[in-house]
PDB file of all heavy atoms in Angstrom:
ATOM      1  N   GLU A   1      -7.073 -22.329 -16.777  1.00  0.00           N
ATOM      2  CA  GLU A   1      -5.780 -22.826 -16.297  1.00  0.00           C
ATOM      3  C   GLU A   1      -4.758 -21.701 -16.261  1.00  0.00           C
ATOM      4  O   GLU A   1      -3.974 -21.587 -15.318  1.00  0.00           O
ATOM      5  CB  GLU A   1      -5.294 -23.956 -17.211  1.00  0.00           C
ATOM      6  CG  GLU A   1      -3.956 -24.550 -16.776  1.00  0.00           C
ATOM      7  CD  GLU A   1      -3.396 -25.538 -17.775  1.00  0.00           C
ATOM      8  OE1 GLU A   1      -4.119 -25.918 -18.719  1.00  0.00           O
ATOM      9  OE2 GLU A   1      -2.215 -25.918 -17.620  1.00  0.00           O
ATOM     10  N   LYS A   2      -4.786 -20.854 -17.270  1.00  0.00           N
ATOM     11  CA  LYS A   2      -3.857 -19.729 -17.330  1.00  0.00           C
ATOM     12  C   LYS A   2      -4.119 -18.754 -16.194  1.00  0.00           C
ATOM     13  O   LYS A   2      -3.189 -18.289 -15.537  1.00  0.00           O
ATOM     14  CB  LYS A   2      -4.007 -19.010 -18.678  1.00  0.00           C
ATOM     15  CG  LYS A   2      -2.934 -17.963 -18.957  1.00  0.00           C
ATOM     16  CD  LYS A   2      -3.204 -17.258 -20.257  1.00  0.00           C
ATOM     17  CE  LYS A   2      -2.015 -16.458 -20.744  1.00  0.00           C
ATOM     18  NZ  LYS A   2      -0.978 -17.267 -21.361  1.00  0.00           N
ATOM     19  N   GLU A   3      -5.395 -18.457 -15.944  1.00  0.00           N
ATOM     20  CA  GLU A   3      -5.750 -17.522 -14.870  1.00  0.00           C
ATOM     21  C   GLU A   3      -5.281 -18.042 -13.513  1.00  0.00           C
ATOM     22  O   GLU A   3      -4.733 -17.295 -12.705  1.00  0.00           O
ATOM     23  CB  GLU A   3      -7.262 -17.280 -14.855  1.00  0.00           C
ATOM     24  CG  GLU A   3      -7.757 -16.390 -15.983  1.00  0.00           C
ATOM     25  CD  GLU A   3      -9.204 -15.974 -15.799  1.00  0.00           C
ATOM     26  OE1 GLU A   3      -9.674 -15.921 -14.633  1.00  0.00           O
ATOM     27  OE2 GLU A   3      -9.859 -15.700 -16.810  1.00  0.00           O
ATOM     28  N   ARG A   4      -5.509 -19.332 -13.263  1.00  0.00           N
ATOM     29  CA  ARG A   4      -5.088 -19.923 -11.985  1.00  0.00           C
ATOM     30  C   ARG A   4      -3.565 -19.902 -11.851  1.00  0.00           C
ATOM     31  O   ARG A   4      -3.029 -19.554 -10.799  1.00  0.00           O
ATOM     32  CB  ARG A   4      -5.600 -21.365 -11.875  1.00  0.00           C
ATOM     33  CG  ARG A   4      -7.078 -21.493 -11.602  1.00  0.00           C
ATOM     34  CD  ARG A   4      -7.428 -22.915 -11.187  1.00  0.00           C
ATOM     35  NE  ARG A   4      -7.144 -23.864 -12.261  1.00  0.00           N
ATOM     36  CZ  ARG A   4      -8.011 -24.209 -13.210  1.00  0.00           C
ATOM     37  NH1 ARG A   4      -9.223 -23.676 -13.231  1.00  0.00           N
ATOM     38  NH2 ARG A   4      -7.681 -25.087 -14.141  1.00  0.00           N
ATOM     39  N   ALA A   5      -2.897 -20.257 -12.928  1.00  0.00           N
ATOM     40  CA  ALA A   5      -1.430 -20.297 -12.896  1.00  0.00           C
ATOM     41  C   ALA A   5      -0.849 -18.908 -12.667  1.00  0.00           C
ATOM     42  O   ALA A   5       0.097 -18.742 -11.882  1.00  0.00           O
ATOM     43  CB  ALA A   5      -0.912 -20.892 -14.197  1.00  0.00           C
ATOM     44  N   LEU A   6      -1.393 -17.911 -13.346  1.00  0.00           N
ATOM     45  CA  LEU A   6      -0.891 -16.543 -13.190  1.00  0.00           C
ATOM     46  C   LEU A   6      -1.170 -16.010 -11.790  1.00  0.00           C
ATOM     47  O   LEU A   6      -0.346 -15.292 -11.217  1.00  0.00           O
ATOM     48  CB  LEU A   6      -1.518 -15.629 -14.243  1.00  0.00           C
ATOM     49  CG  LEU A   6      -0.987 -15.813 -15.667  1.00  0.00           C
ATOM     50  CD1 LEU A   6      -1.803 -14.976 -16.656  1.00  0.00           C
ATOM     51  CD2 LEU A   6       0.486 -15.436 -15.763  1.00  0.00           C
ATOM     52  N   LYS A   7      -2.314 -16.363 -11.225  1.00  0.00           N
ATOM     53  CA  LYS A   7      -2.653 -15.922  -9.870  1.00  0.00           C
ATOM     54  C   LYS A   7      -1.643 -16.468  -8.862  1.00  0.00           C
ATOM     55  O   LYS A   7      -1.126 -15.728  -8.009  1.00  0.00           O
ATOM     56  CB  LYS A   7      -4.068 -16.383  -9.502  1.00  0.00           C
ATOM     57  CG  LYS A   7      -4.534 -15.936  -8.121  1.00  0.00           C
ATOM     58  CD  LYS A   7      -5.982 -16.355  -7.884  1.00  0.00           C
ATOM     59  CE  LYS A   7      -6.475 -15.874  -6.523  1.00  0.00           C
ATOM     60  NZ  LYS A   7      -5.786 -16.543  -5.402  1.00  0.00           N
ATOM     61  N   LEU A   8      -1.336 -17.764  -8.973  1.00  0.00           N
ATOM     62  CA  LEU A   8      -0.355 -18.372  -8.073  1.00  0.00           C
ATOM     63  C   LEU A   8       1.029 -17.768  -8.285  1.00  0.00           C
ATOM     64  O   LEU A   8       1.778 -17.541  -7.338  1.00  0.00           O
ATOM     65  CB  LEU A   8      -0.309 -19.885  -8.309  1.00  0.00           C
ATOM     66  CG  LEU A   8      -1.524 -20.681  -7.835  1.00  0.00           C
ATOM     67  CD1 LEU A   8      -1.424 -22.123  -8.300  1.00  0.00           C
ATOM     68  CD2 LEU A   8      -1.654 -20.623  -6.311  1.00  0.00           C
ATOM     69  N   TRP A   9       1.349 -17.506  -9.540  1.00  0.00           N
ATOM     70  CA  TRP A   9       2.652 -16.954  -9.881  1.00  0.00           C
ATOM     71  C   TRP A   9       2.832 -15.564  -9.280  1.00  0.00           C
ATOM     72  O   TRP A   9       3.877 -15.243  -8.704  1.00  0.00           O
ATOM     73  CB  TRP A   9       2.794 -16.910 -11.402  1.00  0.00           C
ATOM     74  CG  TRP A   9       4.203 -16.779 -11.879  1.00  0.00           C
ATOM     75  CD1 TRP A   9       5.301 -17.418 -11.408  1.00  0.00           C
ATOM     76  CD2 TRP A   9       4.650 -15.957 -12.955  1.00  0.00           C
ATOM     77  NE1 TRP A   9       6.427 -17.058 -12.128  1.00  0.00           N
ATOM     78  CE2 TRP A   9       6.048 -16.162 -13.078  1.00  0.00           C
ATOM     79  CE3 TRP A   9       4.012 -15.099 -13.840  1.00  0.00           C
ATOM     80  CZ2 TRP A   9       6.813 -15.512 -14.038  1.00  0.00           C
ATOM     81  CZ3 TRP A   9       4.770 -14.463 -14.794  1.00  0.00           C
ATOM     82  CH2 TRP A   9       6.159 -14.662 -14.894  1.00  0.00           C
ATOM     83  N   ILE A  10       1.802 -14.741  -9.386  1.00  0.00           N
ATOM     84  CA  ILE A  10       1.869 -13.386  -8.839  1.00  0.00           C
ATOM     85  C   ILE A  10       1.973 -13.429  -7.316  1.00  0.00           C
ATOM     86  O   ILE A  10       2.690 -12.630  -6.701  1.00  0.00           O
ATOM     87  CB  ILE A  10       0.660 -12.557  -9.311  1.00  0.00           C
ATOM     88  CG1 ILE A  10       0.812 -12.256 -10.810  1.00  0.00           C
ATOM     89  CG2 ILE A  10       0.543 -11.260  -8.520  1.00  0.00           C
ATOM     90  CD1 ILE A  10      -0.398 -11.603 -11.437  1.00  0.00           C
ATOM     91  N   GLU A  11       1.275 -14.386  -6.693  1.00  0.00           N
ATOM     92  CA  GLU A  11       1.378 -14.535  -5.241  1.00  0.00           C
ATOM     93  C   GLU A  11       2.809 -14.877  -4.823  1.00  0.00           C
ATOM     94  O   GLU A  11       3.306 -14.374  -3.808  1.00  0.00           O
ATOM     95  CB  GLU A  11       0.409 -15.626  -4.760  1.00  0.00           C
ATOM     96  CG  GLU A  11      -1.052 -15.190  -4.797  1.00  0.00           C
ATOM     97  CD  GLU A  11      -1.996 -16.334  -4.441  1.00  0.00           C
ATOM     98  OE1 GLU A  11      -1.506 -17.462  -4.152  1.00  0.00           O
ATOM     99  OE2 GLU A  11      -3.219 -16.112  -4.448  1.00  0.00           O
ATOM    100  N   ASP A  12       3.466 -15.716  -5.607  1.00  0.00           N
ATOM    101  CA  ASP A  12       4.855 -16.060  -5.294  1.00  0.00           C
ATOM    102  C   ASP A  12       5.796 -14.885  -5.580  1.00  0.00           C
ATOM    103  O   ASP A  12       6.785 -14.684  -4.874  1.00  0.00           O
ATOM    104  CB  ASP A  12       5.278 -17.293  -6.086  1.00  0.00           C
ATOM    105  CG  ASP A  12       4.678 -18.573  -5.526  1.00  0.00           C
ATOM    106  OD1 ASP A  12       4.454 -18.629  -4.303  1.00  0.00           O
ATOM    107  OD2 ASP A  12       4.421 -19.500  -6.302  1.00  0.00           O
ATOM    108  N   LEU A  13       5.480 -14.105  -6.606  1.00  0.00           N
ATOM    109  CA  LEU A  13       6.277 -12.917  -6.904  1.00  0.00           C
ATOM    110  C   LEU A  13       6.172 -11.898  -5.773  1.00  0.00           C
ATOM    111  O   LEU A  13       7.123 -11.164  -5.482  1.00  0.00           O
ATOM    112  CB  LEU A  13       5.813 -12.304  -8.227  1.00  0.00           C
ATOM    113  CG  LEU A  13       6.796 -11.403  -8.986  1.00  0.00           C
ATOM    114  CD1 LEU A  13       8.085 -12.141  -9.300  1.00  0.00           C
ATOM    115  CD2 LEU A  13       6.150 -10.894 -10.271  1.00  0.00           C
ATOM    116  N   GLU A  14       5.023 -11.868  -5.107  1.00  0.00           N
ATOM    117  CA  GLU A  14       4.833 -10.966  -3.967  1.00  0.00           C
ATOM    118  C   GLU A  14       5.791 -11.315  -2.823  1.00  0.00           C
ATOM    119  O   GLU A  14       6.212 -10.441  -2.065  1.00  0.00           O
ATOM    120  CB  GLU A  14       3.387 -11.024  -3.488  1.00  0.00           C
ATOM    121  CG  GLU A  14       2.411 -10.323  -4.432  1.00  0.00           C
ATOM    122  CD  GLU A  14       0.952 -10.567  -4.059  1.00  0.00           C
ATOM    123  OE1 GLU A  14       0.694 -11.449  -3.199  1.00  0.00           O
ATOM    124  OE2 GLU A  14       0.078  -9.895  -4.631  1.00  0.00           O
ATOM    125  N   LYS A  15       6.129 -12.590  -2.721  1.00  0.00           N
ATOM    126  CA  LYS A  15       7.089 -12.998  -1.681  1.00  0.00           C
ATOM    127  C   LYS A  15       8.476 -12.416  -1.971  1.00  0.00           C
ATOM    128  O   LYS A  15       9.202 -12.030  -1.061  1.00  0.00           O
ATOM    129  CB  LYS A  15       7.145 -14.525  -1.595  1.00  0.00           C
ATOM    130  CG  LYS A  15       5.832 -15.165  -1.143  1.00  0.00           C
ATOM    131  CD  LYS A  15       5.947 -16.668  -1.088  1.00  0.00           C
ATOM    132  CE  LYS A  15       4.679 -17.315  -0.533  1.00  0.00           C
ATOM    133  NZ  LYS A  15       3.555 -17.209  -1.469  1.00  0.00           N
ATOM    134  N   ILE A  16       8.834 -12.350  -3.248  1.00  0.00           N
ATOM    135  CA  ILE A  16      10.103 -11.737  -3.642  1.00  0.00           C
ATOM    136  C   ILE A  16      10.061 -10.230  -3.388  1.00  0.00           C
ATOM    137  O   ILE A  16      11.051  -9.635  -2.954  1.00  0.00           O
ATOM    138  CB  ILE A  16      10.413 -12.025  -5.124  1.00  0.00           C
ATOM    139  CG1 ILE A  16      10.519 -13.530  -5.360  1.00  0.00           C
ATOM    140  CG2 ILE A  16      11.699 -11.321  -5.573  1.00  0.00           C
ATOM    141  CD1 ILE A  16      11.579 -14.214  -4.527  1.00  0.00           C
ATOM    142  N   GLU A  17       8.923  -9.631  -3.640  1.00  0.00           N
ATOM    143  CA  GLU A  17       8.741  -8.205  -3.336  1.00  0.00           C
ATOM    144  C   GLU A  17       9.014  -7.945  -1.865  1.00  0.00           C
ATOM    145  O   GLU A  17       9.714  -6.984  -1.506  1.00  0.00           O
ATOM    146  CB  GLU A  17       7.314  -7.776  -3.705  1.00  0.00           C
ATOM    147  CG  GLU A  17       6.922  -6.366  -3.294  1.00  0.00           C
ATOM    148  CD  GLU A  17       7.614  -5.268  -4.089  1.00  0.00           C
ATOM    149  OE1 GLU A  17       8.162  -5.569  -5.178  1.00  0.00           O
ATOM    150  OE2 GLU A  17       7.613  -4.106  -3.624  1.00  0.00           O
ATOM    151  N   GLY A  18       8.492  -8.805  -1.008  1.00  0.00           N
ATOM    152  CA  GLY A  18       8.705  -8.648   0.431  1.00  0.00           C
ATOM    153  C   GLY A  18      10.157  -8.835   0.823  1.00  0.00           C
ATOM    154  O   GLY A  18      10.671  -8.126   1.695  1.00  0.00           O
ATOM    155  N   GLU A  19      10.849  -9.752   0.163  1.00  0.00           N
ATOM    156  CA  GLU A  19      12.258 -10.009   0.456  1.00  0.00           C
ATOM    157  C   GLU A  19      13.132  -8.822   0.046  1.00  0.00           C
ATOM    158  O   GLU A  19      14.173  -8.569   0.661  1.00  0.00           O
ATOM    159  CB  GLU A  19      12.704 -11.279  -0.279  1.00  0.00           C
ATOM    160  CG  GLU A  19      14.129 -11.711  -0.026  1.00  0.00           C
ATOM    161  CD  GLU A  19      14.428 -12.080   1.408  1.00  0.00           C
ATOM    162  OE1 GLU A  19      13.471 -12.337   2.178  1.00  0.00           O
ATOM    163  OE2 GLU A  19      15.620 -12.108   1.771  1.00  0.00           O
ATOM    164  N   LEU A  20      12.706  -8.076  -0.958  1.00  0.00           N
ATOM    165  CA  LEU A  20      13.497  -6.944  -1.461  1.00  0.00           C
ATOM    166  C   LEU A  20      13.175  -5.625  -0.755  1.00  0.00           C
ATOM    167  O   LEU A  20      13.928  -4.660  -0.882  1.00  0.00           O
ATOM    168  CB  LEU A  20      13.243  -6.767  -2.961  1.00  0.00           C
ATOM    169  CG  LEU A  20      14.243  -7.376  -3.936  1.00  0.00           C
ATOM    170  CD1 LEU A  20      13.752  -7.203  -5.367  1.00  0.00           C
ATOM    171  CD2 LEU A  20      15.627  -6.763  -3.779  1.00  0.00           C
ATOM    172  N   LYS A  21      12.100  -5.583  -0.047  1.00  0.00           N
ATOM    173  CA  LYS A  21      11.638  -4.325   0.546  1.00  0.00           C
ATOM    174  C   LYS A  21      12.721  -3.679   1.409  1.00  0.00           C
ATOM    175  O   LYS A  21      13.306  -4.308   2.287  1.00  0.00           O
ATOM    176  CB  LYS A  21      10.386  -4.568   1.392  1.00  0.00           C
ATOM    177  CG  LYS A  21       9.708  -3.290   1.851  1.00  0.00           C
ATOM    178  CD  LYS A  21       8.389  -3.588   2.558  1.00  0.00           C
ATOM    179  CE  LYS A  21       7.689  -2.310   2.973  1.00  0.00           C
ATOM    180  NZ  LYS A  21       6.400  -2.593   3.658  1.00  0.00           N
ATOM    181  N   GLY A  22      13.007  -2.427   1.103  1.00  0.00           N
ATOM    182  CA  GLY A  22      13.985  -1.679   1.876  1.00  0.00           C
ATOM    183  C   GLY A  22      15.429  -1.948   1.496  1.00  0.00           C
ATOM    184  O   GLY A  22      16.346  -1.439   2.150  1.00  0.00           O
ATOM    185  N   LYS A  23      15.649  -2.748   0.451  1.00  0.00           N
ATOM    186  CA  LYS A  23      17.013  -3.091   0.040  1.00  0.00           C
ATOM    187  C   LYS A  23      17.318  -2.519  -1.342  1.00  0.00           C
ATOM    188  O   LYS A  23      16.423  -2.384  -2.179  1.00  0.00           O
ATOM    189  CB  LYS A  23      17.199  -4.612  -0.014  1.00  0.00           C
ATOM    190  CG  LYS A  23      16.986  -5.326   1.309  1.00  0.00           C
ATOM    191  CD  LYS A  23      17.133  -6.831   1.106  1.00  0.00           C
ATOM    192  CE  LYS A  23      16.866  -7.613   2.374  1.00  0.00           C
ATOM    193  NZ  LYS A  23      16.931  -9.075   2.134  1.00  0.00           N
ATOM    194  N   LYS A  24      18.585  -2.240  -1.585  1.00  0.00           N
ATOM    195  CA  LYS A  24      19.042  -1.833  -2.908  1.00  0.00           C
ATOM    196  C   LYS A  24      19.173  -3.062  -3.802  1.00  0.00           C
ATOM    197  O   LYS A  24      18.660  -3.105  -4.922  1.00  0.00           O
ATOM    198  CB  LYS A  24      20.379  -1.103  -2.803  1.00  0.00           C
ATOM    199  CG  LYS A  24      20.893  -0.557  -4.119  1.00  0.00           C
ATOM    200  CD  LYS A  24      22.185   0.242  -3.916  1.00  0.00           C
ATOM    201  CE  LYS A  24      22.703   0.798  -5.235  1.00  0.00           C
ATOM    202  NZ  LYS A  24      23.956   1.574  -5.038  1.00  0.00           N
ATOM    203  N   PHE A  25      19.881  -4.065  -3.287  1.00  0.00           N
ATOM    204  CA  PHE A  25      19.993  -5.370  -3.937  1.00  0.00           C
ATOM    205  C   PHE A  25      19.604  -6.431  -2.907  1.00  0.00           C
ATOM    206  O   PHE A  25      19.447  -6.126  -1.729  1.00  0.00           O
ATOM    207  CB  PHE A  25      21.416  -5.613  -4.448  1.00  0.00           C
ATOM    208  CG  PHE A  25      21.827  -4.686  -5.556  1.00  0.00           C
ATOM    209  CD1 PHE A  25      22.704  -3.635  -5.323  1.00  0.00           C
ATOM    210  CD2 PHE A  25      21.333  -4.860  -6.845  1.00  0.00           C
ATOM    211  CE1 PHE A  25      23.081  -2.771  -6.342  1.00  0.00           C
ATOM    212  CE2 PHE A  25      21.705  -3.997  -7.873  1.00  0.00           C
ATOM    213  CZ  PHE A  25      22.568  -2.954  -7.625  1.00  0.00           C
ATOM    214  N   PHE A  26      19.462  -7.675  -3.344  1.00  0.00           N
ATOM    215  CA  PHE A  26      19.016  -8.714  -2.417  1.00  0.00           C
ATOM    216  C   PHE A  26      19.947  -8.859  -1.228  1.00  0.00           C
ATOM    217  O   PHE A  26      19.491  -9.099  -0.109  1.00  0.00           O
ATOM    218  CB  PHE A  26      18.906 -10.064  -3.155  1.00  0.00           C
ATOM    219  CG  PHE A  26      17.664 -10.208  -3.965  1.00  0.00           C
ATOM    220  CD1 PHE A  26      17.687  -9.957  -5.330  1.00  0.00           C
ATOM    221  CD2 PHE A  26      16.467 -10.593  -3.384  1.00  0.00           C
ATOM    222  CE1 PHE A  26      16.533 -10.093  -6.095  1.00  0.00           C
ATOM    223  CE2 PHE A  26      15.308 -10.736  -4.137  1.00  0.00           C
ATOM    224  CZ  PHE A  26      15.343 -10.488  -5.503  1.00  0.00           C
ATOM    225  N   GLY A  27      21.261  -8.711  -1.477  1.00  0.00           N
ATOM    226  CA  GLY A  27      22.223  -8.884  -0.395  1.00  0.00           C
ATOM    227  C   GLY A  27      22.636  -7.595   0.291  1.00  0.00           C
ATOM    228  O   GLY A  27      23.462  -7.619   1.194  1.00  0.00           O
ATOM    229  N   GLY A  28      22.079  -6.475  -0.147  1.00  0.00           N
ATOM    230  CA  GLY A  28      22.441  -5.194   0.463  1.00  0.00           C
ATOM    231  C   GLY A  28      22.808  -4.145  -0.560  1.00  0.00           C
ATOM    232  O   GLY A  28      22.007  -3.775  -1.404  1.00  0.00           O
ATOM    233  N   GLU A  29      24.067  -3.692  -0.531  1.00  0.00           N
ATOM    234  CA  GLU A  29      24.485  -2.558  -1.352  1.00  0.00           C
ATOM    235  C   GLU A  29      25.078  -2.940  -2.702  1.00  0.00           C
ATOM    236  O   GLU A  29      25.234  -2.089  -3.565  1.00  0.00           O
ATOM    237  CB  GLU A  29      25.509  -1.702  -0.569  1.00  0.00           C
ATOM    238  CG  GLU A  29      24.911  -0.970   0.612  1.00  0.00           C
ATOM    239  CD  GLU A  29      23.830   0.022   0.189  1.00  0.00           C
ATOM    240  OE1 GLU A  29      24.098   0.847  -0.700  1.00  0.00           O
ATOM    241  OE2 GLU A  29      22.729  -0.044   0.762  1.00  0.00           O
ATOM    242  N   THR A  30      25.467  -4.194  -2.860  1.00  0.00           N
ATOM    243  CA  THR A  30      26.096  -4.601  -4.120  1.00  0.00           C
ATOM    244  C   THR A  30      25.416  -5.847  -4.690  1.00  0.00           C
ATOM    245  O   THR A  30      24.789  -6.617  -3.961  1.00  0.00           O
ATOM    246  CB  THR A  30      27.601  -4.918  -3.937  1.00  0.00           C
ATOM    247  OG1 THR A  30      27.738  -5.946  -2.960  1.00  0.00           O
ATOM    248  CG2 THR A  30      28.354  -3.675  -3.484  1.00  0.00           C
ATOM    249  N   ILE A  31      25.575  -6.036  -5.989  1.00  0.00           N
ATOM    250  CA  ILE A  31      25.033  -7.211  -6.662  1.00  0.00           C
ATOM    251  C   ILE A  31      25.689  -8.475  -6.102  1.00  0.00           C
ATOM    252  O   ILE A  31      26.898  -8.519  -5.871  1.00  0.00           O
ATOM    253  CB  ILE A  31      25.285  -7.124  -8.184  1.00  0.00           C
ATOM    254  CG1 ILE A  31      24.305  -6.125  -8.819  1.00  0.00           C
ATOM    255  CG2 ILE A  31      25.145  -8.484  -8.858  1.00  0.00           C
ATOM    256  CD1 ILE A  31      24.499  -5.939 -10.303  1.00  0.00           C
ATOM    257  N   GLY A  32      24.876  -9.488  -5.862  1.00  0.00           N
ATOM    258  CA  GLY A  32      25.392 -10.745  -5.335  1.00  0.00           C
ATOM    259  C   GLY A  32      24.735 -11.952  -5.972  1.00  0.00           C
ATOM    260  O   GLY A  32      24.056 -11.853  -7.002  1.00  0.00           O
ATOM    261  N   TYR A  33      24.937 -13.076  -5.339  1.00  0.00           N
ATOM    262  CA  TYR A  33      24.457 -14.377  -5.825  1.00  0.00           C
ATOM    263  C   TYR A  33      22.964 -14.366  -6.157  1.00  0.00           C
ATOM    264  O   TYR A  33      22.545 -14.800  -7.234  1.00  0.00           O
ATOM    265  CB  TYR A  33      24.775 -15.411  -4.746  1.00  0.00           C
ATOM    266  CG  TYR A  33      24.114 -16.754  -4.885  1.00  0.00           C
ATOM    267  CD1 TYR A  33      24.672 -17.758  -5.681  1.00  0.00           C
ATOM    268  CD2 TYR A  33      22.960 -17.058  -4.163  1.00  0.00           C
ATOM    269  CE1 TYR A  33      24.088 -19.011  -5.771  1.00  0.00           C
ATOM    270  CE2 TYR A  33      22.373 -18.304  -4.246  1.00  0.00           C
ATOM    271  CZ  TYR A  33      22.933 -19.273  -5.056  1.00  0.00           C
ATOM    272  OH  TYR A  33      22.338 -20.520  -5.140  1.00  0.00           O
ATOM    273  N   LEU A  34      22.147 -13.867  -5.223  1.00  0.00           N
ATOM    274  CA  LEU A  34      20.697 -13.914  -5.422  1.00  0.00           C
ATOM    275  C   LEU A  34      20.247 -12.953  -6.515  1.00  0.00           C
ATOM    276  O   LEU A  34      19.289 -13.240  -7.245  1.00  0.00           O
ATOM    277  CB  LEU A  34      19.977 -13.620  -4.100  1.00  0.00           C
ATOM    278  CG  LEU A  34      18.470 -13.900  -4.075  1.00  0.00           C
ATOM    279  CD1 LEU A  34      18.139 -15.294  -4.601  1.00  0.00           C
ATOM    280  CD2 LEU A  34      17.924 -13.721  -2.664  1.00  0.00           C
ATOM    281  N   ASP A  35      20.933 -11.834  -6.668  1.00  0.00           N
ATOM    282  CA  ASP A  35      20.610 -10.909  -7.766  1.00  0.00           C
ATOM    283  C   ASP A  35      20.850 -11.587  -9.116  1.00  0.00           C
ATOM    284  O   ASP A  35      20.046 -11.454 -10.039  1.00  0.00           O
ATOM    285  CB  ASP A  35      21.463  -9.642  -7.669  1.00  0.00           C
ATOM    286  CG  ASP A  35      21.225  -8.885  -6.387  1.00  0.00           C
ATOM    287  OD1 ASP A  35      20.164  -8.252  -6.264  1.00  0.00           O
ATOM    288  OD2 ASP A  35      22.090  -8.950  -5.504  1.00  0.00           O
ATOM    289  N   LEU A  36      21.948 -12.329  -9.222  1.00  0.00           N
ATOM    290  CA  LEU A  36      22.237 -13.027 -10.468  1.00  0.00           C
ATOM    291  C   LEU A  36      21.220 -14.138 -10.703  1.00  0.00           C
ATOM    292  O   LEU A  36      20.777 -14.363 -11.834  1.00  0.00           O
ATOM    293  CB  LEU A  36      23.652 -13.610 -10.442  1.00  0.00           C
ATOM    294  CG  LEU A  36      24.799 -12.622 -10.255  1.00  0.00           C
ATOM    295  CD1 LEU A  36      26.142 -13.321 -10.430  1.00  0.00           C
ATOM    296  CD2 LEU A  36      24.693 -11.439 -11.216  1.00  0.00           C
ATOM    297  N   ALA A  37      20.844 -14.827  -9.634  1.00  0.00           N
ATOM    298  CA  ALA A  37      19.854 -15.898  -9.761  1.00  0.00           C
ATOM    299  C   ALA A  37      18.499 -15.369 -10.206  1.00  0.00           C
ATOM    300  O   ALA A  37      17.788 -16.010 -10.993  1.00  0.00           O
ATOM    301  CB  ALA A  37      19.723 -16.637  -8.431  1.00  0.00           C
ATOM    302  N   MET A  38      18.130 -14.202  -9.709  1.00  0.00           N
ATOM    303  CA  MET A  38      16.832 -13.594 -10.039  1.00  0.00           C
ATOM    304  C   MET A  38      16.914 -12.621 -11.209  1.00  0.00           C
ATOM    305  O   MET A  38      15.905 -12.029 -11.604  1.00  0.00           O
ATOM    306  CB  MET A  38      16.293 -12.834  -8.812  1.00  0.00           C
ATOM    307  CG  MET A  38      15.979 -13.701  -7.617  1.00  0.00           C
ATOM    308  SD  MET A  38      14.529 -14.736  -7.893  1.00  0.00           S
ATOM    309  CE  MET A  38      14.301 -15.401  -6.238  1.00  0.00           C
TER     310      MET A  38
END
């Protein structure tokens, strides 16, 4: 159960990696709402 849960979790974390690619912060150059949320 742990292995399955961690696998799914890492897959979802990869989506956040893609959202951040090429950015300093989630919203651009300064800390914003999504940075605080994450």
